[in-house]
């Protein structure tokens, strides 16, 4: 199953050095996601799963103020036996085993010029959860920011 692991640039660097990504919560096309987006085609569902991981990455940035303000989503292929469907949030799974670099497909990463928007959103997460409309706008603005695509071979340049 293709899953989308949320990360930060420092965490991605750790994974590259280790040669595997750590287990954790990821975005994926789950039964709950399929049910919610009944009319979505496969590409649309994959995009939504990527967005789930991007939101989880934003939450990671909110918890790590020292990390560069760029969301990271690592696309990996994981055996079904290593996945448990959570669907809270919708489209989330738990990956129960480390994912070797050989199963990594690509990464989606914010451009450097998105740092102001992403920084504001990471700071606003608590307020957005509490219903603050200005904070919600900041988070929505980050979620509307498209992530750039990186091949696995480009990770060293991305992290360099």
N, C-alpha and C. Protein backbone atom coordinates (compact mmCIF):
# COMPACT_ATOMS: atom_id res chain seq x y z
N UNK A 1 0.85 -1.17 0.00
CA UNK A 1 0.00 0.00 0.00
C UNK A 1 0.89 1.23 0.00
N UNK A 2 0.54 2.21 -0.79
CA UNK A 2 1.25 3.49 -0.80
C UNK A 2 0.75 4.30 0.38
N UNK A 3 1.68 4.76 1.21
CA UNK A 3 1.35 5.63 2.33
C UNK A 3 2.22 6.87 2.26
N UNK A 4 1.80 7.88 2.97
CA UNK A 4 2.49 9.17 2.98
C UNK A 4 2.87 9.51 4.42
N UNK A 5 4.17 9.38 4.69
CA UNK A 5 4.68 9.63 6.03
C UNK A 5 4.99 11.10 6.23
N UNK A 6 4.44 11.72 7.27
CA UNK A 6 4.78 13.11 7.55
C UNK A 6 6.16 13.20 8.19
N UNK A 7 6.85 14.29 7.90
CA UNK A 7 8.18 14.48 8.47
C UNK A 7 8.50 15.97 8.48
N UNK A 8 9.68 16.26 8.98
CA UNK A 8 10.29 17.58 8.89
C UNK A 8 11.62 17.37 8.18
N UNK A 9 12.27 18.43 7.76
CA UNK A 9 13.57 18.26 7.10
C UNK A 9 14.59 17.57 8.01
N UNK A 10 14.70 17.96 9.31
CA UNK A 10 15.65 17.24 10.18
C UNK A 10 15.30 15.75 10.33
N UNK A 11 14.02 15.43 10.40
CA UNK A 11 13.62 14.03 10.53
C UNK A 11 13.93 13.27 9.24
N UNK A 12 13.67 13.89 8.09
CA UNK A 12 14.02 13.25 6.82
C UNK A 12 15.53 13.00 6.75
N UNK A 13 16.32 13.94 7.21
CA UNK A 13 17.77 13.76 7.23
C UNK A 13 18.16 12.56 8.11
N UNK A 14 17.50 12.42 9.25
CA UNK A 14 17.75 11.26 10.12
C UNK A 14 17.41 9.96 9.40
N UNK A 15 16.28 9.96 8.72
CA UNK A 15 15.84 8.76 8.01
C UNK A 15 16.81 8.40 6.88
N UNK A 16 17.27 9.41 6.15
CA UNK A 16 18.22 9.17 5.07
C UNK A 16 19.49 8.55 5.64
N UNK A 17 19.98 9.12 6.72
CA UNK A 17 21.20 8.60 7.35
C UNK A 17 21.01 7.17 7.85
N UNK A 18 19.85 6.89 8.43
CA UNK A 18 19.57 5.55 8.97
C UNK A 18 19.25 4.54 7.88
N UNK A 19 18.79 5.02 6.73
CA UNK A 19 18.41 4.13 5.65
C UNK A 19 17.01 3.58 5.76
N UNK A 20 16.23 4.14 6.68
CA UNK A 20 14.84 3.73 6.83
C UNK A 20 14.05 4.83 7.55
N UNK A 21 12.75 4.83 7.31
CA UNK A 21 11.84 5.76 8.01
C UNK A 21 11.25 5.04 9.21
N UNK A 22 11.06 5.77 10.27
CA UNK A 22 10.50 5.20 11.50
C UNK A 22 9.02 4.90 11.35
N UNK A 23 8.51 3.93 12.12
CA UNK A 23 7.06 3.69 12.14
C UNK A 23 6.33 4.92 12.66
N UNK A 24 5.07 5.03 12.33
CA UNK A 24 4.27 6.14 12.83
C UNK A 24 2.97 6.30 12.07
N UNK A 25 2.30 7.40 12.32
CA UNK A 25 1.03 7.69 11.66
C UNK A 25 1.32 8.30 10.29
N UNK A 26 0.53 7.88 9.30
CA UNK A 26 0.72 8.34 7.92
C UNK A 26 -0.64 8.56 7.27
N UNK A 27 -0.62 9.20 6.12
CA UNK A 27 -1.82 9.34 5.31
C UNK A 27 -1.87 8.22 4.30
N UNK A 28 -3.08 7.76 3.96
CA UNK A 28 -3.25 6.71 2.97
C UNK A 28 -4.70 6.72 2.48
N UNK A 29 -4.92 6.05 1.38
CA UNK A 29 -6.29 5.89 0.87
C UNK A 29 -6.90 4.73 1.64
N UNK A 30 -7.70 5.07 2.63
CA UNK A 30 -8.34 4.09 3.51
C UNK A 30 -9.79 3.89 3.11
N UNK A 31 -10.44 2.85 3.63
CA UNK A 31 -11.86 2.69 3.35
C UNK A 31 -12.69 3.92 3.76
N UNK A 32 -12.34 4.50 4.89
CA UNK A 32 -13.07 5.70 5.33
C UNK A 32 -12.89 6.87 4.38
N UNK A 33 -11.70 7.01 3.84
CA UNK A 33 -11.44 8.08 2.87
C UNK A 33 -12.21 7.82 1.58
N UNK A 34 -12.20 6.58 1.13
CA UNK A 34 -12.96 6.22 -0.09
C UNK A 34 -14.45 6.50 0.10
N UNK A 35 -14.97 6.17 1.29
CA UNK A 35 -16.39 6.39 1.57
C UNK A 35 -16.72 7.89 1.58
N UNK A 36 -15.83 8.68 2.15
CA UNK A 36 -16.07 10.11 2.25
C UNK A 36 -16.02 10.79 0.89
N UNK A 37 -15.07 10.33 0.02
CA UNK A 37 -14.90 10.92 -1.31
C UNK A 37 -15.36 9.91 -2.37
N UNK A 38 -16.63 9.55 -2.31
CA UNK A 38 -17.18 8.51 -3.18
C UNK A 38 -16.94 8.78 -4.66
N UNK A 39 -16.98 10.01 -5.06
CA UNK A 39 -16.87 10.33 -6.48
C UNK A 39 -15.45 10.65 -6.90
N UNK A 40 -14.50 10.58 -5.98
CA UNK A 40 -13.12 10.88 -6.30
C UNK A 40 -12.45 9.72 -7.04
N UNK A 41 -11.64 10.06 -8.04
CA UNK A 41 -10.89 9.00 -8.72
C UNK A 41 -9.62 8.70 -7.92
N UNK A 42 -8.84 7.74 -8.39
CA UNK A 42 -7.65 7.29 -7.65
C UNK A 42 -6.67 8.42 -7.39
N UNK A 43 -6.45 9.28 -8.40
CA UNK A 43 -5.51 10.40 -8.22
C UNK A 43 -6.01 11.39 -7.18
N UNK A 44 -7.30 11.67 -7.19
CA UNK A 44 -7.86 12.60 -6.20
C UNK A 44 -7.74 12.04 -4.78
N UNK A 45 -7.98 10.75 -4.65
CA UNK A 45 -7.87 10.12 -3.32
C UNK A 45 -6.43 10.14 -2.83
N UNK A 46 -5.48 9.88 -3.71
CA UNK A 46 -4.06 9.94 -3.33
C UNK A 46 -3.69 11.36 -2.90
N UNK A 47 -4.20 12.36 -3.61
CA UNK A 47 -3.93 13.75 -3.25
C UNK A 47 -4.46 14.06 -1.85
N UNK A 48 -5.66 13.60 -1.55
CA UNK A 48 -6.23 13.84 -0.22
C UNK A 48 -5.39 13.15 0.85
N UNK A 49 -4.92 11.94 0.58
CA UNK A 49 -4.06 11.22 1.53
C UNK A 49 -2.76 11.99 1.75
N UNK A 50 -2.22 12.58 0.69
CA UNK A 50 -1.01 13.40 0.82
C UNK A 50 -1.29 14.61 1.69
N UNK A 51 -2.47 15.20 1.54
CA UNK A 51 -2.84 16.37 2.34
C UNK A 51 -2.98 16.00 3.82
N UNK A 52 -3.46 14.79 4.10
CA UNK A 52 -3.53 14.32 5.49
C UNK A 52 -2.13 14.31 6.09
N UNK A 53 -1.17 13.77 5.34
CA UNK A 53 0.21 13.73 5.83
C UNK A 53 0.81 15.12 5.94
N UNK A 54 0.48 16.00 5.00
CA UNK A 54 0.99 17.37 5.07
C UNK A 54 0.49 18.07 6.33
N UNK A 55 -0.75 17.82 6.72
CA UNK A 55 -1.29 18.40 7.95
C UNK A 55 -0.56 17.82 9.17
N UNK A 56 -0.29 16.52 9.13
CA UNK A 56 0.46 15.91 10.23
C UNK A 56 1.88 16.48 10.30
N UNK A 57 2.46 16.76 9.14
CA UNK A 57 3.79 17.38 9.10
C UNK A 57 3.73 18.78 9.71
N UNK A 58 2.68 19.52 9.39
CA UNK A 58 2.50 20.86 9.97
C UNK A 58 2.43 20.77 11.49
N UNK A 59 1.73 19.77 12.00
CA UNK A 59 1.65 19.57 13.45
C UNK A 59 3.03 19.25 14.04
N UNK A 60 3.83 18.50 13.30
CA UNK A 60 5.20 18.21 13.75
C UNK A 60 6.01 19.50 13.82
N UNK A 61 5.82 20.38 12.84
CA UNK A 61 6.52 21.66 12.85
C UNK A 61 6.06 22.52 14.02
N UNK A 62 4.78 22.45 14.35
CA UNK A 62 4.28 23.19 15.49
C UNK A 62 4.92 22.74 16.79
N UNK A 63 5.28 21.46 16.86
CA UNK A 63 5.91 20.91 18.06
C UNK A 63 7.43 21.07 18.07
N UNK A 64 8.00 21.48 16.94
CA UNK A 64 9.46 21.62 16.82
C UNK A 64 9.80 22.98 16.23
N UNK A 65 9.82 24.02 17.08
CA UNK A 65 10.04 25.37 16.56
C UNK A 65 11.42 25.57 15.93
N UNK A 66 12.37 24.67 16.17
CA UNK A 66 13.70 24.80 15.60
C UNK A 66 13.83 24.24 14.19
N UNK A 67 12.85 23.47 13.75
CA UNK A 67 12.91 22.86 12.41
C UNK A 67 12.60 23.90 11.34
N UNK A 68 13.26 23.81 10.19
CA UNK A 68 12.91 24.71 9.08
C UNK A 68 11.42 24.60 8.77
N UNK A 69 10.82 25.70 8.46
CA UNK A 69 9.37 25.78 8.26
C UNK A 69 8.95 25.25 6.88
N UNK A 70 9.19 23.97 6.66
CA UNK A 70 8.83 23.32 5.40
C UNK A 70 8.23 21.96 5.73
N UNK A 71 7.00 21.76 5.28
CA UNK A 71 6.37 20.45 5.47
C UNK A 71 7.05 19.43 4.56
N UNK A 72 7.13 18.20 5.04
CA UNK A 72 7.73 17.10 4.29
C UNK A 72 6.78 15.91 4.34
N UNK A 73 6.53 15.32 3.18
CA UNK A 73 5.71 14.12 3.08
C UNK A 73 6.49 13.10 2.27
N UNK A 74 6.78 11.97 2.87
CA UNK A 74 7.55 10.91 2.20
C UNK A 74 6.58 9.85 1.70
N UNK A 75 6.57 9.62 0.38
CA UNK A 75 5.73 8.59 -0.22
C UNK A 75 6.49 7.27 -0.19
N UNK A 76 5.88 6.25 0.44
CA UNK A 76 6.53 4.95 0.57
C UNK A 76 5.53 3.84 0.29
N UNK A 77 6.06 2.70 -0.09
CA UNK A 77 5.24 1.51 -0.28
C UNK A 77 5.48 0.58 0.90
N UNK A 78 4.40 0.21 1.57
CA UNK A 78 4.47 -0.57 2.80
C UNK A 78 3.61 -1.83 2.64
N UNK A 79 4.12 -2.98 3.09
CA UNK A 79 3.28 -4.19 3.06
C UNK A 79 2.01 -3.98 3.88
N UNK A 80 0.89 -4.48 3.37
CA UNK A 80 -0.39 -4.33 4.06
C UNK A 80 -0.33 -4.85 5.50
N UNK A 81 0.47 -5.87 5.73
CA UNK A 81 0.57 -6.46 7.07
C UNK A 81 1.15 -5.49 8.09
N UNK A 82 1.86 -4.46 7.63
CA UNK A 82 2.48 -3.48 8.53
C UNK A 82 1.61 -2.25 8.76
N UNK A 83 0.37 -2.29 8.30
CA UNK A 83 -0.51 -1.12 8.36
C UNK A 83 -1.77 -1.44 9.15
N UNK A 84 -2.15 -0.51 10.02
CA UNK A 84 -3.43 -0.57 10.72
C UNK A 84 -4.19 0.71 10.39
N UNK A 85 -5.41 0.59 9.93
CA UNK A 85 -6.22 1.76 9.57
C UNK A 85 -6.69 2.44 10.86
N UNK A 86 -6.48 3.75 10.91
CA UNK A 86 -6.94 4.55 12.04
C UNK A 86 -8.18 5.34 11.66
N UNK A 87 -8.09 6.04 10.54
CA UNK A 87 -9.14 6.93 10.02
C UNK A 87 -9.55 8.02 11.00
N UNK A 88 -8.70 8.33 11.94
CA UNK A 88 -8.90 9.49 12.81
C UNK A 88 -7.55 10.18 12.93
N UNK A 89 -7.23 11.18 12.15
CA UNK A 89 -8.13 11.79 11.18
C UNK A 89 -8.40 10.88 9.98
N UNK A 90 -9.47 11.21 9.27
CA UNK A 90 -9.86 10.43 8.10
C UNK A 90 -8.68 10.32 7.14
N UNK A 91 -8.42 9.10 6.66
CA UNK A 91 -7.31 8.88 5.75
C UNK A 91 -5.99 8.62 6.44
N UNK A 92 -6.03 8.29 7.72
CA UNK A 92 -4.78 8.03 8.44
C UNK A 92 -4.64 6.55 8.75
N UNK A 93 -3.38 6.12 8.78
CA UNK A 93 -3.04 4.74 9.12
C UNK A 93 -1.86 4.77 10.08
N UNK A 94 -1.65 3.66 10.76
CA UNK A 94 -0.47 3.49 11.58
C UNK A 94 0.45 2.51 10.87
N UNK A 95 1.67 2.94 10.61
CA UNK A 95 2.67 2.08 10.01
C UNK A 95 3.47 1.47 11.16
N UNK A 96 3.43 0.15 11.27
CA UNK A 96 3.99 -0.51 12.44
C UNK A 96 5.42 -0.97 12.33
N UNK A 97 6.07 -0.73 11.19
CA UNK A 97 7.45 -1.18 11.02
C UNK A 97 8.24 -0.10 10.30
N UNK A 98 9.55 -0.12 10.49
CA UNK A 98 10.42 0.81 9.76
C UNK A 98 10.29 0.54 8.26
N UNK A 99 10.40 1.60 7.48
CA UNK A 99 10.25 1.50 6.03
C UNK A 99 11.62 1.72 5.40
N UNK A 100 12.21 0.68 4.79
CA UNK A 100 13.55 0.82 4.20
C UNK A 100 13.57 1.78 3.01
N UNK A 101 14.71 2.39 2.82
CA UNK A 101 14.86 3.38 1.74
C UNK A 101 14.51 2.79 0.38
N UNK A 102 14.69 1.50 0.20
CA UNK A 102 14.36 0.87 -1.08
C UNK A 102 12.88 0.93 -1.40
N UNK A 103 12.04 1.20 -0.40
CA UNK A 103 10.59 1.29 -0.64
C UNK A 103 10.10 2.73 -0.74
N UNK A 104 11.02 3.69 -0.66
CA UNK A 104 10.64 5.09 -0.79
C UNK A 104 10.43 5.42 -2.26
N UNK A 105 9.37 6.14 -2.56
CA UNK A 105 9.07 6.52 -3.94
C UNK A 105 9.51 7.95 -4.24
N UNK A 106 9.19 8.87 -3.34
CA UNK A 106 9.48 10.30 -3.57
C UNK A 106 9.15 11.06 -2.30
N UNK A 107 9.36 12.37 -2.36
CA UNK A 107 8.96 13.23 -1.25
C UNK A 107 8.26 14.46 -1.82
N UNK A 108 7.37 14.99 -1.04
CA UNK A 108 6.70 16.25 -1.33
C UNK A 108 7.14 17.22 -0.24
N UNK A 109 7.66 18.38 -0.66
CA UNK A 109 8.26 19.31 0.28
C UNK A 109 7.89 20.74 -0.11
N UNK A 110 7.62 21.56 0.90
CA UNK A 110 7.37 22.98 0.64
C UNK A 110 8.61 23.63 0.05
N UNK A 111 8.40 24.59 -0.84
CA UNK A 111 9.49 25.42 -1.34
C UNK A 111 9.96 26.33 -0.21
N UNK A 112 11.20 26.78 -0.30
CA UNK A 112 11.74 27.67 0.73
C UNK A 112 10.93 28.94 0.89
N UNK A 113 10.34 29.44 -0.20
CA UNK A 113 9.59 30.69 -0.13
C UNK A 113 8.24 30.54 0.57
N UNK A 114 7.85 29.34 0.95
CA UNK A 114 6.60 29.12 1.68
C UNK A 114 6.79 29.23 3.18
N UNK A 115 8.02 29.52 3.63
CA UNK A 115 8.31 29.46 5.06
C UNK A 115 7.48 30.43 5.89
N UNK A 116 7.14 31.58 5.37
CA UNK A 116 6.34 32.55 6.14
C UNK A 116 4.93 31.99 6.37
N UNK A 117 4.34 31.45 5.32
CA UNK A 117 2.99 30.90 5.41
C UNK A 117 2.98 29.68 6.34
N UNK A 118 3.95 28.80 6.17
CA UNK A 118 4.01 27.59 6.97
C UNK A 118 4.31 27.92 8.43
N UNK A 119 5.19 28.87 8.67
CA UNK A 119 5.51 29.28 10.03
C UNK A 119 4.28 29.85 10.74
N UNK A 120 3.54 30.70 10.04
CA UNK A 120 2.32 31.27 10.62
C UNK A 120 1.31 30.17 10.95
N UNK A 121 1.18 29.20 10.05
CA UNK A 121 0.22 28.12 10.28
C UNK A 121 0.64 27.23 11.44
N UNK A 122 1.92 26.90 11.52
CA UNK A 122 2.41 26.07 12.62
C UNK A 122 2.16 26.74 13.97
N UNK A 123 2.31 28.05 14.01
CA UNK A 123 2.07 28.81 15.23
C UNK A 123 0.58 28.89 15.55
N UNK A 124 -0.25 28.87 14.51
CA UNK A 124 -1.69 29.08 14.68
C UNK A 124 -2.48 27.80 14.94
N UNK A 125 -1.84 26.65 14.95
CA UNK A 125 -2.58 25.39 15.08
C UNK A 125 -3.47 25.33 16.32
N UNK A 126 -2.95 25.74 17.46
CA UNK A 126 -3.74 25.72 18.70
C UNK A 126 -4.96 26.61 18.61
N UNK A 127 -4.77 27.81 18.08
CA UNK A 127 -5.89 28.73 17.93
C UNK A 127 -6.93 28.21 16.95
N UNK A 128 -6.46 27.58 15.87
CA UNK A 128 -7.39 27.03 14.89
C UNK A 128 -8.22 25.91 15.52
N UNK A 129 -7.58 25.07 16.32
CA UNK A 129 -8.31 23.99 16.99
C UNK A 129 -9.34 24.53 17.97
N UNK A 130 -9.06 25.73 18.53
CA UNK A 130 -9.98 26.35 19.49
C UNK A 130 -11.07 27.17 18.79
N UNK A 131 -11.02 27.23 17.46
CA UNK A 131 -12.07 27.93 16.72
C UNK A 131 -11.76 29.36 16.34
N UNK A 132 -10.55 29.84 16.55
CA UNK A 132 -10.17 31.20 16.17
C UNK A 132 -10.17 31.31 14.65
N UNK A 133 -11.00 32.20 14.09
CA UNK A 133 -11.09 32.29 12.62
C UNK A 133 -9.80 32.78 11.96
N UNK A 134 -9.06 33.67 12.60
CA UNK A 134 -7.80 34.13 12.02
C UNK A 134 -6.77 33.00 12.00
N UNK A 135 -6.72 32.23 13.07
CA UNK A 135 -5.80 31.10 13.11
C UNK A 135 -6.21 30.04 12.08
N UNK A 136 -7.49 29.81 11.96
CA UNK A 136 -7.98 28.85 10.96
C UNK A 136 -7.62 29.31 9.55
N UNK A 137 -7.69 30.60 9.30
CA UNK A 137 -7.31 31.13 7.99
C UNK A 137 -5.83 30.86 7.71
N UNK A 138 -4.98 31.04 8.72
CA UNK A 138 -3.54 30.79 8.55
C UNK A 138 -3.28 29.33 8.21
N UNK A 139 -3.98 28.42 8.88
CA UNK A 139 -3.82 26.99 8.61
C UNK A 139 -4.35 26.65 7.22
N UNK A 140 -5.50 27.23 6.87
CA UNK A 140 -6.06 27.00 5.54
C UNK A 140 -5.13 27.49 4.44
N UNK A 141 -4.48 28.63 4.69
CA UNK A 141 -3.55 29.18 3.70
C UNK A 141 -2.37 28.23 3.49
N UNK A 142 -1.89 27.63 4.56
CA UNK A 142 -0.79 26.65 4.43
C UNK A 142 -1.27 25.42 3.67
N UNK A 143 -2.47 24.96 3.98
CA UNK A 143 -2.98 23.77 3.31
C UNK A 143 -3.24 24.02 1.83
N UNK A 144 -3.41 25.26 1.43
CA UNK A 144 -3.59 25.60 0.02
C UNK A 144 -2.26 25.75 -0.71
N UNK A 145 -1.17 25.72 0.03
CA UNK A 145 0.17 25.84 -0.57
C UNK A 145 0.60 24.48 -1.10
N UNK A 146 0.89 24.43 -2.38
CA UNK A 146 1.27 23.16 -3.02
C UNK A 146 2.69 22.76 -2.63
N UNK A 147 2.88 21.48 -2.47
CA UNK A 147 4.19 20.91 -2.16
C UNK A 147 4.92 20.57 -3.46
N UNK A 148 6.24 20.77 -3.46
CA UNK A 148 7.05 20.40 -4.61
C UNK A 148 7.43 18.93 -4.54
N UNK A 149 7.66 18.32 -5.70
CA UNK A 149 7.98 16.89 -5.79
C UNK A 149 9.49 16.69 -5.90
N UNK A 150 10.01 15.73 -5.15
CA UNK A 150 11.43 15.40 -5.18
C UNK A 150 11.59 13.89 -5.36
N UNK A 151 12.42 13.49 -6.32
CA UNK A 151 12.76 12.08 -6.49
C UNK A 151 13.71 11.68 -5.36
N UNK A 152 13.75 10.41 -5.04
CA UNK A 152 14.61 9.91 -3.97
C UNK A 152 16.07 10.30 -4.23
N UNK A 153 16.48 10.29 -5.50
CA UNK A 153 17.86 10.63 -5.85
C UNK A 153 18.19 12.09 -5.54
N UNK A 154 17.19 12.92 -5.35
CA UNK A 154 17.40 14.34 -5.08
C UNK A 154 17.46 14.67 -3.58
N UNK A 155 17.28 13.68 -2.72
CA UNK A 155 17.21 13.94 -1.28
C UNK A 155 18.51 14.55 -0.75
N UNK A 156 19.65 14.07 -1.22
CA UNK A 156 20.92 14.62 -0.72
C UNK A 156 21.02 16.12 -1.05
N UNK A 157 20.61 16.50 -2.27
CA UNK A 157 20.62 17.93 -2.65
C UNK A 157 19.59 18.70 -1.83
N UNK A 158 18.43 18.12 -1.63
CA UNK A 158 17.37 18.77 -0.83
C UNK A 158 17.86 19.04 0.58
N UNK A 159 18.56 18.08 1.15
CA UNK A 159 18.99 18.19 2.55
C UNK A 159 20.33 18.91 2.70
N UNK A 160 21.07 19.05 1.58
CA UNK A 160 22.40 19.65 1.62
C UNK A 160 22.33 21.11 1.83
